[in-house]
Amino acid sequence: MAEHDAFVDRIRAVYPELTVTKARLVPYGWSNNVIVVNEQLVFRFPRHAAAIDTLMREVAILRGLVGRTTLPVPDPIYTAWTPWQVGQVFMGYRLIPGQPLWRQTFAALDDATGAQVARQLGTFLRELHGVPVAKAIAVELPLLARRERWTDMYRHIRERLFPAMRPMARRRAAQLFETFLADPDRFDFQPVLTHRDFGTSNILVDGTPPRVSGIIDFGAAGLADPAADCAGIMSAYGEPFLHQFLAVYPELETAFERARFYVKTFPLQEALAGAERGDAQALKRGLVTFR
């Protein structure tokens, strides 16, 4: 039996009218098993109980985005919530055509195409950040922009990572976090609906010349600092590209300074996640990358 056969059986049981002629398991996904059906549909099955809660919130967010963005996002037309168990709960949507905007793909864009892509992404962020959450989203979203989140992260970094870090790296990390946390103005912003994983693998492009064809994977989305989405772009494609977003979303510039801090923390966040999951490679990669 193929690894994905049980998932296909579950899809058929819930949607017997759906003819499955072909299915393949996508070989990645930390929180979900991803199955592509008939090369037309994408189904995601949570791998653990916490991911079920995340998927339910993601479906509510995606349904709230219907008709509110110019770029396509997944439309969860297939869902199964009972029984509330790993391997039983899933969501499915029509596959959005395109390939991820990998760094090498981005580097090959000419100036005119790059500017067009920036306008598309800037417009999408303006629309996403402007969603009236209380009206559009059917579930309560957690506030992910609190000072306490960064204070707790810094504490965990000291506890889990400092013993493995060189003295100079520890000093740099301490200065980075303590300077940021000491300034109350850093948290003087209005939380908005954010993607929070806005970069490379989740931005799809298609056609010649390439255009953005869709945005996927809203599993980390929630109420947060708009700078979280800026940081994804800065880290993936560089700050000059983000400046081109200002042509359609000028208010975004106020988030750039916070985004620079977030980008600097990314290696430490990766290392911390590695330490907490027992992923030695992620731990080493994050610590080596932090400079």
C-alpha atoms as a PDB file:
ATOM      1  CA  MET A   1       0.000   0.000   0.000  1.00  0.00           C
ATOM      2  CA  ALA A   2       1.335   3.456  -0.946  1.00  0.00           C
ATOM      3  CA  GLU A   3       1.874   5.902   1.907  1.00  0.00           C
ATOM      4  CA  HIS A   4      -0.907   8.165   0.710  1.00  0.00           C
ATOM      5  CA  ASP A   5      -3.560   5.449   0.083  1.00  0.00           C
ATOM      6  CA  ALA A   6      -5.185   5.956   3.485  1.00  0.00           C
ATOM      7  CA  PHE A   7      -5.591   9.673   2.756  1.00  0.00           C
ATOM      8  CA  VAL A   8      -7.133   8.946  -0.647  1.00  0.00           C
ATOM      9  CA  ASP A   9      -9.540   6.481   0.974  1.00  0.00           C
ATOM     10  CA  ARG A  10     -10.567   9.153   3.460  1.00  0.00           C
ATOM     11  CA  ILE A  11     -11.193  11.707   0.699  1.00  0.00           C
ATOM     12  CA  ARG A  12     -13.324   9.186  -1.221  1.00  0.00           C
ATOM     13  CA  ALA A  13     -15.302   8.334   1.911  1.00  0.00           C
ATOM     14  CA  VAL A  14     -16.211  11.968   2.567  1.00  0.00           C
ATOM     15  CA  TYR A  15     -16.644  12.970  -1.085  1.00  0.00           C
ATOM     16  CA  PRO A  16     -17.754   9.827  -2.984  1.00  0.00           C
ATOM     17  CA  GLU A  17     -18.721  11.940  -5.982  1.00  0.00           C
ATOM     18  CA  LEU A  18     -15.073  12.986  -6.441  1.00  0.00           C
ATOM     19  CA  THR A  19     -13.320  10.667  -8.901  1.00  0.00           C
ATOM     20  CA  VAL A  20      -9.690  10.162  -7.921  1.00  0.00           C
ATOM     21  CA  THR A  21      -7.682   8.859 -10.871  1.00  0.00           C
ATOM     22  CA  LYS A  22      -4.252   9.936  -9.686  1.00  0.00           C
ATOM     23  CA  ALA A  23      -2.748  10.995  -6.370  1.00  0.00           C
ATOM     24  CA  ARG A  24       0.722  11.815  -5.159  1.00  0.00           C
ATOM     25  CA  LEU A  25       2.207  12.723  -1.800  1.00  0.00           C
ATOM     26  CA  VAL A  26       4.190  15.966  -1.785  1.00  0.00           C
ATOM     27  CA  PRO A  27       7.522  15.186  -0.043  1.00  0.00           C
ATOM     28  CA  TYR A  28       7.535  18.096   2.385  1.00  0.00           C
ATOM     29  CA  GLY A  29       5.366  19.664   5.044  1.00  0.00           C
ATOM     30  CA  TRP A  30       6.178  19.861   8.760  1.00  0.00           C
ATOM     31  CA  SER A  31       2.601  20.215  10.007  1.00  0.00           C
ATOM     32  CA  ASN A  32       0.583  18.595   7.217  1.00  0.00           C
ATOM     33  CA  ASN A  33       0.652  15.696   4.806  1.00  0.00           C
ATOM     34  CA  VAL A  34      -0.026  17.206   1.382  1.00  0.00           C
ATOM     35  CA  ILE A  35      -1.721  15.155  -1.339  1.00  0.00           C
ATOM     36  CA  VAL A  36      -2.161  16.343  -4.940  1.00  0.00           C
ATOM     37  CA  VAL A  37      -5.180  14.699  -6.577  1.00  0.00           C
ATOM     38  CA  ASN A  38      -5.617  14.482 -10.358  1.00  0.00           C
ATOM     39  CA  GLU A  39      -3.014  17.259 -10.651  1.00  0.00           C
ATOM     40  CA  GLN A  40      -5.939  19.596  -9.996  1.00  0.00           C
ATOM     41  CA  LEU A  41      -6.651  19.525  -6.266  1.00  0.00           C
ATOM     42  CA  VAL A  42      -4.507  19.909  -3.152  1.00  0.00           C
ATOM     43  CA  PHE A  43      -5.513  18.209   0.106  1.00  0.00           C
ATOM     44  CA  ARG A  44      -3.826  18.814   3.458  1.00  0.00           C
ATOM     45  CA  PHE A  45      -4.074  16.394   6.383  1.00  0.00           C
ATOM     46  CA  PRO A  46      -2.705  17.631   9.738  1.00  0.00           C
ATOM     47  CA  ARG A  47       0.135  15.511  11.116  1.00  0.00           C
ATOM     48  CA  HIS A  48      -0.629  16.191  14.798  1.00  0.00           C
ATOM     49  CA  ALA A  49      -3.442  17.455  17.015  1.00  0.00           C
ATOM     50  CA  ALA A  50      -2.188  21.041  17.281  1.00  0.00           C
ATOM     51  CA  ALA A  51      -2.120  21.266  13.484  1.00  0.00           C
ATOM     52  CA  ILE A  52      -5.847  20.467  13.386  1.00  0.00           C
ATOM     53  CA  ASP A  53      -6.603  23.658  15.340  1.00  0.00           C
ATOM     54  CA  THR A  54      -4.284  25.575  13.027  1.00  0.00           C
ATOM     55  CA  LEU A  55      -6.018  24.175   9.946  1.00  0.00           C
ATOM     56  CA  MET A  56      -9.454  25.155  11.229  1.00  0.00           C
ATOM     57  CA  ARG A  57      -8.238  28.728  11.766  1.00  0.00           C
ATOM     58  CA  GLU A  58      -6.588  28.766   8.345  1.00  0.00           C
ATOM     59  CA  VAL A  59      -9.803  27.662   6.633  1.00  0.00           C
ATOM     60  CA  ALA A  60     -11.717  30.464   8.386  1.00  0.00           C
ATOM     61  CA  ILE A  61      -9.120  33.004   7.253  1.00  0.00           C
ATOM     62  CA  LEU A  62      -9.168  31.769   3.658  1.00  0.00           C
ATOM     63  CA  ARG A  63     -12.956  31.902   3.522  1.00  0.00           C
ATOM     64  CA  GLY A  64     -12.807  35.425   4.879  1.00  0.00           C
ATOM     65  CA  LEU A  65     -10.448  36.430   2.073  1.00  0.00           C
ATOM     66  CA  VAL A  66     -12.844  35.405  -0.692  1.00  0.00           C
ATOM     67  CA  GLY A  67     -13.367  38.404  -2.975  1.00  0.00           C
ATOM     68  CA  ARG A  68     -10.995  40.610  -0.963  1.00  0.00           C
ATOM     69  CA  THR A  69      -7.688  40.046  -2.770  1.00  0.00           C
ATOM     70  CA  THR A  70      -6.621  40.509  -6.375  1.00  0.00           C
ATOM     71  CA  LEU A  71      -4.274  37.522  -6.237  1.00  0.00           C
ATOM     72  CA  PRO A  72      -5.696  34.000  -5.934  1.00  0.00           C
ATOM     73  CA  VAL A  73      -5.425  32.235  -2.579  1.00  0.00           C
ATOM     74  CA  PRO A  74      -6.545  28.686  -1.702  1.00  0.00           C
ATOM     75  CA  ASP A  75     -10.316  28.294  -1.574  1.00  0.00           C
ATOM     76  CA  PRO A  76     -11.115  25.392   0.806  1.00  0.00           C
ATOM     77  CA  ILE A  77     -14.019  23.838  -1.074  1.00  0.00           C
ATOM     78  CA  TYR A  78     -13.429  20.446   0.571  1.00  0.00           C
ATOM     79  CA  THR A  79     -13.314  20.018   4.355  1.00  0.00           C
ATOM     80  CA  ALA A  80     -13.782  17.236   6.900  1.00  0.00           C
ATOM     81  CA  TRP A  81     -13.852  17.999  10.627  1.00  0.00           C
ATOM     82  CA  THR A  82     -15.358  14.886  12.202  1.00  0.00           C
ATOM     83  CA  PRO A  83     -14.061  12.805  13.744  1.00  0.00           C
ATOM     84  CA  TRP A  84     -11.626  15.388  15.150  1.00  0.00           C
ATOM     85  CA  GLN A  85      -8.627  13.108  14.682  1.00  0.00           C
ATOM     86  CA  VAL A  86      -5.284  13.071  12.916  1.00  0.00           C
ATOM     87  CA  GLY A  87      -5.707  11.280   9.610  1.00  0.00           C
ATOM     88  CA  GLN A  88      -9.424  12.140   9.443  1.00  0.00           C
ATOM     89  CA  VAL A  89      -9.514  15.941   9.369  1.00  0.00           C
ATOM     90  CA  PHE A  90      -8.530  17.591   6.088  1.00  0.00           C
ATOM     91  CA  MET A  91      -9.086  20.501   3.770  1.00  0.00           C
ATOM     92  CA  GLY A  92      -8.821  20.641  -0.014  1.00  0.00           C
ATOM     93  CA  TYR A  93      -8.690  23.330  -2.678  1.00  0.00           C
ATOM     94  CA  ARG A  94      -8.151  23.715  -6.402  1.00  0.00           C
ATOM     95  CA  LEU A  95      -4.473  23.758  -7.259  1.00  0.00           C
ATOM     96  CA  ILE A  96      -3.168  27.240  -8.066  1.00  0.00           C
ATOM     97  CA  PRO A  97      -0.894  27.003 -11.112  1.00  0.00           C
ATOM     98  CA  GLY A  98       2.681  28.201 -10.885  1.00  0.00           C
ATOM     99  CA  GLN A  99       6.055  27.587  -9.322  1.00  0.00           C
ATOM    100  CA  PRO A 100       7.520  29.125  -6.157  1.00  0.00           C
ATOM    101  CA  LEU A 101       9.354  32.419  -6.563  1.00  0.00           C
ATOM    102  CA  TRP A 102      12.684  30.948  -5.483  1.00  0.00           C
ATOM    103  CA  ARG A 103      15.616  33.312  -5.059  1.00  0.00           C
ATOM    104  CA  GLN A 104      17.190  32.111  -8.292  1.00  0.00           C
ATOM    105  CA  THR A 105      13.908  32.694 -10.131  1.00  0.00           C
ATOM    106  CA  PHE A 106      13.687  36.191  -8.685  1.00  0.00           C
ATOM    107  CA  ALA A 107      17.308  36.934  -9.611  1.00  0.00           C
ATOM    108  CA  ALA A 108      16.516  36.129 -13.251  1.00  0.00           C
ATOM    109  CA  LEU A 109      13.688  38.694 -13.509  1.00  0.00           C
ATOM    110  CA  ASP A 110      14.401  41.770 -15.597  1.00  0.00           C
ATOM    111  CA  ASP A 111      13.720  45.202 -14.110  1.00  0.00           C
ATOM    112  CA  ALA A 112      10.304  45.649 -15.703  1.00  0.00           C
ATOM    113  CA  THR A 113       9.097  42.198 -14.637  1.00  0.00           C
ATOM    114  CA  GLY A 114      10.475  42.686 -11.136  1.00  0.00           C
ATOM    115  CA  ALA A 115       8.612  45.984 -10.826  1.00  0.00           C
ATOM    116  CA  GLN A 116       5.373  44.343 -11.960  1.00  0.00           C
ATOM    117  CA  VAL A 117       5.808  41.525  -9.450  1.00  0.00           C
ATOM    118  CA  ALA A 118       6.458  44.128  -6.719  1.00  0.00           C
ATOM    119  CA  ARG A 119       3.239  45.935  -7.624  1.00  0.00           C
ATOM    120  CA  GLN A 120       1.295  42.689  -7.464  1.00  0.00           C
ATOM    121  CA  LEU A 121       2.722  41.726  -4.077  1.00  0.00           C
ATOM    122  CA  GLY A 122       2.438  45.224  -2.650  1.00  0.00           C
ATOM    123  CA  THR A 123      -1.207  45.401  -3.688  1.00  0.00           C
ATOM    124  CA  PHE A 124      -1.855  42.010  -2.116  1.00  0.00           C
ATOM    125  CA  LEU A 125      -0.308  43.079   1.199  1.00  0.00           C
ATOM    126  CA  ARG A 126      -2.315  46.301   1.200  1.00  0.00           C
ATOM    127  CA  GLU A 127      -5.491  44.262   0.681  1.00  0.00           C
ATOM    128  CA  LEU A 128      -4.557  41.598   3.238  1.00  0.00           C
ATOM    129  CA  HIS A 129      -3.574  44.120   5.905  1.00  0.00           C
ATOM    130  CA  GLY A 130      -6.812  46.013   5.268  1.00  0.00           C
ATOM    131  CA  VAL A 131      -9.162  43.066   5.808  1.00  0.00           C
ATOM    132  CA  PRO A 132     -11.805  43.937   8.462  1.00  0.00           C
ATOM    133  CA  VAL A 133     -10.994  40.934  10.632  1.00  0.00           C
ATOM    134  CA  ALA A 134     -13.949  41.106  13.025  1.00  0.00           C
ATOM    135  CA  LYS A 135     -16.367  41.217  10.095  1.00  0.00           C
ATOM    136  CA  ALA A 136     -14.635  38.879   7.663  1.00  0.00           C
ATOM    137  CA  ILE A 137     -13.167  36.075   9.805  1.00  0.00           C
ATOM    138  CA  ALA A 138     -15.584  33.689  11.507  1.00  0.00           C
ATOM    139  CA  VAL A 139     -13.204  32.695  14.329  1.00  0.00           C
ATOM    140  CA  GLU A 140     -11.277  34.725  16.873  1.00  0.00           C
ATOM    141  CA  LEU A 141      -7.665  35.146  15.839  1.00  0.00           C
ATOM    142  CA  PRO A 142      -4.810  35.178  18.350  1.00  0.00           C
ATOM    143  CA  LEU A 143      -2.842  38.389  18.726  1.00  0.00           C
ATOM    144  CA  LEU A 144       0.712  37.503  17.693  1.00  0.00           C
ATOM    145  CA  ALA A 145       2.282  40.944  17.928  1.00  0.00           C
ATOM    146  CA  ARG A 146       2.646  41.298  21.678  1.00  0.00           C
ATOM    147  CA  ARG A 147       5.830  42.407  23.418  1.00  0.00           C
ATOM    148  CA  GLU A 148       5.511  39.334  25.628  1.00  0.00           C
ATOM    149  CA  ARG A 149       6.060  37.060  22.621  1.00  0.00           C
ATOM    150  CA  TRP A 150       9.473  38.560  21.943  1.00  0.00           C
ATOM    151  CA  THR A 151      10.351  38.619  25.642  1.00  0.00           C
ATOM    152  CA  ASP A 152       9.545  34.906  25.903  1.00  0.00           C
ATOM    153  CA  MET A 153      11.502  34.147  22.732  1.00  0.00           C
ATOM    154  CA  TYR A 154      14.552  35.942  24.104  1.00  0.00           C
ATOM    155  CA  ARG A 155      14.280  33.993  27.353  1.00  0.00           C
ATOM    156  CA  HIS A 156      14.144  30.700  25.472  1.00  0.00           C
ATOM    157  CA  ILE A 157      17.109  31.740  23.323  1.00  0.00           C
ATOM    158  CA  ARG A 158      19.145  32.459  26.446  1.00  0.00           C
ATOM    159  CA  GLU A 159      18.153  29.140  28.000  1.00  0.00           C
ATOM    160  CA  ARG A 160      18.412  26.857  24.969  1.00  0.00           C
ATOM    161  CA  LEU A 161      20.923  28.514  22.643  1.00  0.00           C
ATOM    162  CA  PHE A 162      23.335  30.631  24.689  1.00  0.00           C
ATOM    163  CA  PRO A 163      25.179  27.577  26.094  1.00  0.00           C
ATOM    164  CA  ALA A 164      26.006  26.510  22.514  1.00  0.00           C
ATOM    165  CA  MET A 165      26.932  29.989  21.221  1.00  0.00           C
ATOM    166  CA  ARG A 166      30.318  31.694  21.110  1.00  0.00           C
ATOM    167  CA  PRO A 167      30.704  34.597  23.588  1.00  0.00           C
ATOM    168  CA  MET A 168      30.678  37.198  20.803  1.00  0.00           C
ATOM    169  CA  ALA A 169      27.503  35.734  19.293  1.00  0.00           C
ATOM    170  CA  ARG A 170      25.824  35.739  22.715  1.00  0.00           C
ATOM    171  CA  ARG A 171      26.684  39.413  23.175  1.00  0.00           C
ATOM    172  CA  ARG A 172      25.316  40.283  19.753  1.00  0.00           C
ATOM    173  CA  ALA A 173      22.082  38.410  20.395  1.00  0.00           C
ATOM    174  CA  ALA A 174      21.657  40.078  23.782  1.00  0.00           C
ATOM    175  CA  GLN A 175      22.233  43.532  22.316  1.00  0.00           C
ATOM    176  CA  LEU A 176      19.821  42.836  19.448  1.00  0.00           C
ATOM    177  CA  PHE A 177      16.924  41.785  21.682  1.00  0.00           C
ATOM    178  CA  GLU A 178      17.524  44.105  24.615  1.00  0.00           C
ATOM    179  CA  THR A 179      17.756  47.194  22.414  1.00  0.00           C
ATOM    180  CA  PHE A 180      14.531  46.259  20.644  1.00  0.00           C
ATOM    181  CA  LEU A 181      12.609  45.378  23.796  1.00  0.00           C
ATOM    182  CA  ALA A 182      13.735  48.498  25.661  1.00  0.00           C
ATOM    183  CA  ASP A 183      11.982  50.837  23.198  1.00  0.00           C
ATOM    184  CA  PRO A 184       8.191  50.952  23.820  1.00  0.00           C
ATOM    185  CA  ASP A 185       7.671  52.706  20.493  1.00  0.00           C
ATOM    186  CA  ARG A 186       8.572  49.464  18.719  1.00  0.00           C
ATOM    187  CA  PHE A 187       5.112  48.166  19.614  1.00  0.00           C
ATOM    188  CA  ASP A 188       3.182  51.299  18.676  1.00  0.00           C
ATOM    189  CA  PHE A 189       1.394  49.890  15.644  1.00  0.00           C
ATOM    190  CA  GLN A 190      -2.025  48.530  14.726  1.00  0.00           C
ATOM    191  CA  PRO A 191      -2.075  44.711  14.437  1.00  0.00           C
ATOM    192  CA  VAL A 192      -3.504  43.557  11.100  1.00  0.00           C
ATOM    193  CA  LEU A 193      -4.194  40.283   9.345  1.00  0.00           C
ATOM    194  CA  THR A 194      -0.784  39.050   8.182  1.00  0.00           C
ATOM    195  CA  HIS A 195       0.430  36.011   6.278  1.00  0.00           C
ATOM    196  CA  ARG A 196       3.585  35.664   8.443  1.00  0.00           C
ATOM    197  CA  ASP A 197       5.343  33.287   6.033  1.00  0.00           C
ATOM    198  CA  PHE A 198       5.458  35.616   3.047  1.00  0.00           C
ATOM    199  CA  GLY A 199       8.326  34.533   0.853  1.00  0.00           C
ATOM    200  CA  THR A 200       9.924  32.040  -1.565  1.00  0.00           C
ATOM    201  CA  SER A 201       7.890  28.812  -1.345  1.00  0.00           C
ATOM    202  CA  ASN A 202       4.529  30.511  -0.727  1.00  0.00           C
ATOM    203  CA  ILE A 203       4.587  33.048  -3.560  1.00  0.00           C
ATOM    204  CA  LEU A 204       3.736  31.385  -6.878  1.00  0.00           C
ATOM    205  CA  VAL A 205       4.601  32.766 -10.319  1.00  0.00           C
ATOM    206  CA  ASP A 206       3.540  31.587 -13.740  1.00  0.00           C
ATOM    207  CA  GLY A 207       3.791  32.562 -17.396  1.00  0.00           C
ATOM    208  CA  THR A 208       6.346  34.289 -19.605  1.00  0.00           C
ATOM    209  CA  PRO A 209       7.310  36.799 -18.418  1.00  0.00           C
ATOM    210  CA  PRO A 210       6.510  35.561 -14.913  1.00  0.00           C
ATOM    211  CA  ARG A 211       3.615  37.094 -13.012  1.00  0.00           C
ATOM    212  CA  VAL A 212       2.418  36.264  -9.521  1.00  0.00           C
ATOM    213  CA  SER A 213      -0.255  33.585  -9.897  1.00  0.00           C
ATOM    214  CA  GLY A 214      -1.189  33.113  -6.246  1.00  0.00           C
ATOM    215  CA  ILE A 215      -0.274  33.082  -2.561  1.00  0.00           C
ATOM    216  CA  ILE A 216      -0.495  29.830  -0.587  1.00  0.00           C
ATOM    217  CA  ASP A 217      -0.017  28.399   2.928  1.00  0.00           C
ATOM    218  CA  PHE A 218      -1.798  30.627   5.421  1.00  0.00           C
ATOM    219  CA  GLY A 219      -1.101  28.263   8.318  1.00  0.00           C
ATOM    220  CA  ALA A 220       0.865  30.892  10.240  1.00  0.00           C
ATOM    221  CA  ALA A 221      -1.532  33.762   9.458  1.00  0.00           C
ATOM    222  CA  GLY A 222      -3.000  35.818  12.247  1.00  0.00           C
ATOM    223  CA  LEU A 223      -3.237  39.246  13.839  1.00  0.00           C
ATOM    224  CA  ALA A 224       0.270  40.625  13.952  1.00  0.00           C
ATOM    225  CA  ASP A 225       2.650  43.391  12.993  1.00  0.00           C
ATOM    226  CA  PRO A 226       2.512  44.220   9.250  1.00  0.00           C
ATOM    227  CA  ALA A 227       6.306  44.237   9.488  1.00  0.00           C
ATOM    228  CA  ALA A 228       6.173  40.432   9.754  1.00  0.00           C
ATOM    229  CA  ASP A 229       5.267  40.258   6.062  1.00  0.00           C
ATOM    230  CA  CYS A 230       7.882  42.882   5.184  1.00  0.00           C
ATOM    231  CA  ALA A 231      10.502  40.759   6.910  1.00  0.00           C
ATOM    232  CA  GLY A 232       9.645  37.778   4.741  1.00  0.00           C
ATOM    233  CA  ILE A 233      10.274  39.826   1.590  1.00  0.00           C
ATOM    234  CA  MET A 234      13.443  41.415   2.995  1.00  0.00           C
ATOM    235  CA  SER A 235      14.888  38.059   3.914  1.00  0.00           C
ATOM    236  CA  ALA A 236      13.971  36.356   0.657  1.00  0.00           C
ATOM    237  CA  TYR A 237      14.629  39.037  -1.956  1.00  0.00           C
ATOM    238  CA  GLY A 238      16.368  41.981  -0.287  1.00  0.00           C
ATOM    239  CA  GLU A 239      15.205  45.336   1.016  1.00  0.00           C
ATOM    240  CA  PRO A 240      15.482  47.211  -2.328  1.00  0.00           C
ATOM    241  CA  PHE A 241      12.742  44.990  -3.752  1.00  0.00           C
ATOM    242  CA  LEU A 242      10.495  45.784  -0.782  1.00  0.00           C
ATOM    243  CA  HIS A 243      10.941  49.509  -1.425  1.00  0.00           C
ATOM    244  CA  GLN A 244       9.191  48.997  -4.772  1.00  0.00           C
ATOM    245  CA  PHE A 245       6.039  47.990  -2.857  1.00  0.00           C
ATOM    246  CA  LEU A 246       5.695  51.597  -1.707  1.00  0.00           C
ATOM    247  CA  ALA A 247       4.388  52.636  -5.127  1.00  0.00           C
ATOM    248  CA  VAL A 248       1.090  50.916  -4.259  1.00  0.00           C
ATOM    249  CA  TYR A 249       1.351  50.663  -0.449  1.00  0.00           C
ATOM    250  CA  PRO A 250       3.234  53.746   0.833  1.00  0.00           C
ATOM    251  CA  GLU A 251       2.094  53.258   4.443  1.00  0.00           C
ATOM    252  CA  LEU A 252       4.195  50.109   4.613  1.00  0.00           C
ATOM    253  CA  GLU A 253       7.393  52.121   5.020  1.00  0.00           C
ATOM    254  CA  THR A 254       6.669  52.691   8.709  1.00  0.00           C
ATOM    255  CA  ALA A 255       7.147  48.942   9.261  1.00  0.00           C
ATOM    256  CA  PHE A 256      10.599  48.668   7.680  1.00  0.00           C
ATOM    257  CA  GLU A 257      12.656  49.310  10.821  1.00  0.00           C
ATOM    258  CA  ARG A 258      10.840  46.598  12.789  1.00  0.00           C
ATOM    259  CA  ALA A 259      11.162  44.263   9.802  1.00  0.00           C
ATOM    260  CA  ARG A 260      14.956  44.674   9.872  1.00  0.00           C
ATOM    261  CA  PHE A 261      14.979  43.470  13.470  1.00  0.00           C
ATOM    262  CA  TYR A 262      12.774  40.490  12.635  1.00  0.00           C
ATOM    263  CA  VAL A 263      15.070  39.456   9.782  1.00  0.00           C
ATOM    264  CA  LYS A 264      18.091  39.530  12.085  1.00  0.00           C
ATOM    265  CA  THR A 265      16.311  37.142  14.464  1.00  0.00           C
ATOM    266  CA  PHE A 266      15.432  34.560  11.784  1.00  0.00           C
ATOM    267  CA  PRO A 267      18.597  32.447  12.239  1.00  0.00           C
ATOM    268  CA  LEU A 268      18.060  32.360  15.998  1.00  0.00           C
ATOM    269  CA  GLN A 269      14.412  31.416  15.501  1.00  0.00           C
ATOM    270  CA  GLU A 270      15.478  28.552  13.238  1.00  0.00           C
ATOM    271  CA  ALA A 271      18.075  27.389  15.759  1.00  0.00           C
ATOM    272  CA  LEU A 272      15.565  27.599  18.602  1.00  0.00           C
ATOM    273  CA  ALA A 273      12.993  25.592  16.640  1.00  0.00           C
ATOM    274  CA  GLY A 274      15.698  23.026  15.943  1.00  0.00           C
ATOM    275  CA  ALA A 275      16.591  22.785  19.624  1.00  0.00           C
ATOM    276  CA  GLU A 276      12.957  22.373  20.636  1.00  0.00           C
ATOM    277  CA  ARG A 277      12.183  19.751  17.942  1.00  0.00           C
ATOM    278  CA  GLY A 278      15.429  17.846  18.295  1.00  0.00           C
ATOM    279  CA  ASP A 279      16.476  18.850  14.778  1.00  0.00           C
ATOM    280  CA  ALA A 280      20.261  19.042  15.031  1.00  0.00           C
ATOM    281  CA  GLN A 281      20.677  20.308  11.472  1.00  0.00           C
ATOM    282  CA  ALA A 282      18.294  23.255  11.964  1.00  0.00           C
ATOM    283  CA  LEU A 283      20.028  24.074  15.257  1.00  0.00           C
ATOM    284  CA  LYS A 284      23.472  24.079  13.650  1.00  0.00           C
ATOM    285  CA  ARG A 285      22.303  25.943  10.544  1.00  0.00           C
ATOM    286  CA  GLY A 286      20.689  28.708  12.586  1.00  0.00           C
ATOM    287  CA  LEU A 287      23.672  29.185  14.867  1.00  0.00           C
ATOM    288  CA  VAL A 288      26.143  29.214  11.963  1.00  0.00           C
ATOM    289  CA  THR A 289      23.993  31.718  10.029  1.00  0.00           C
ATOM    290  CA  PHE A 290      23.603  34.170  12.928  1.00  0.00           C
ATOM    291  CA  ARG A 291      26.126  36.934  12.378  1.00  0.00           C
END
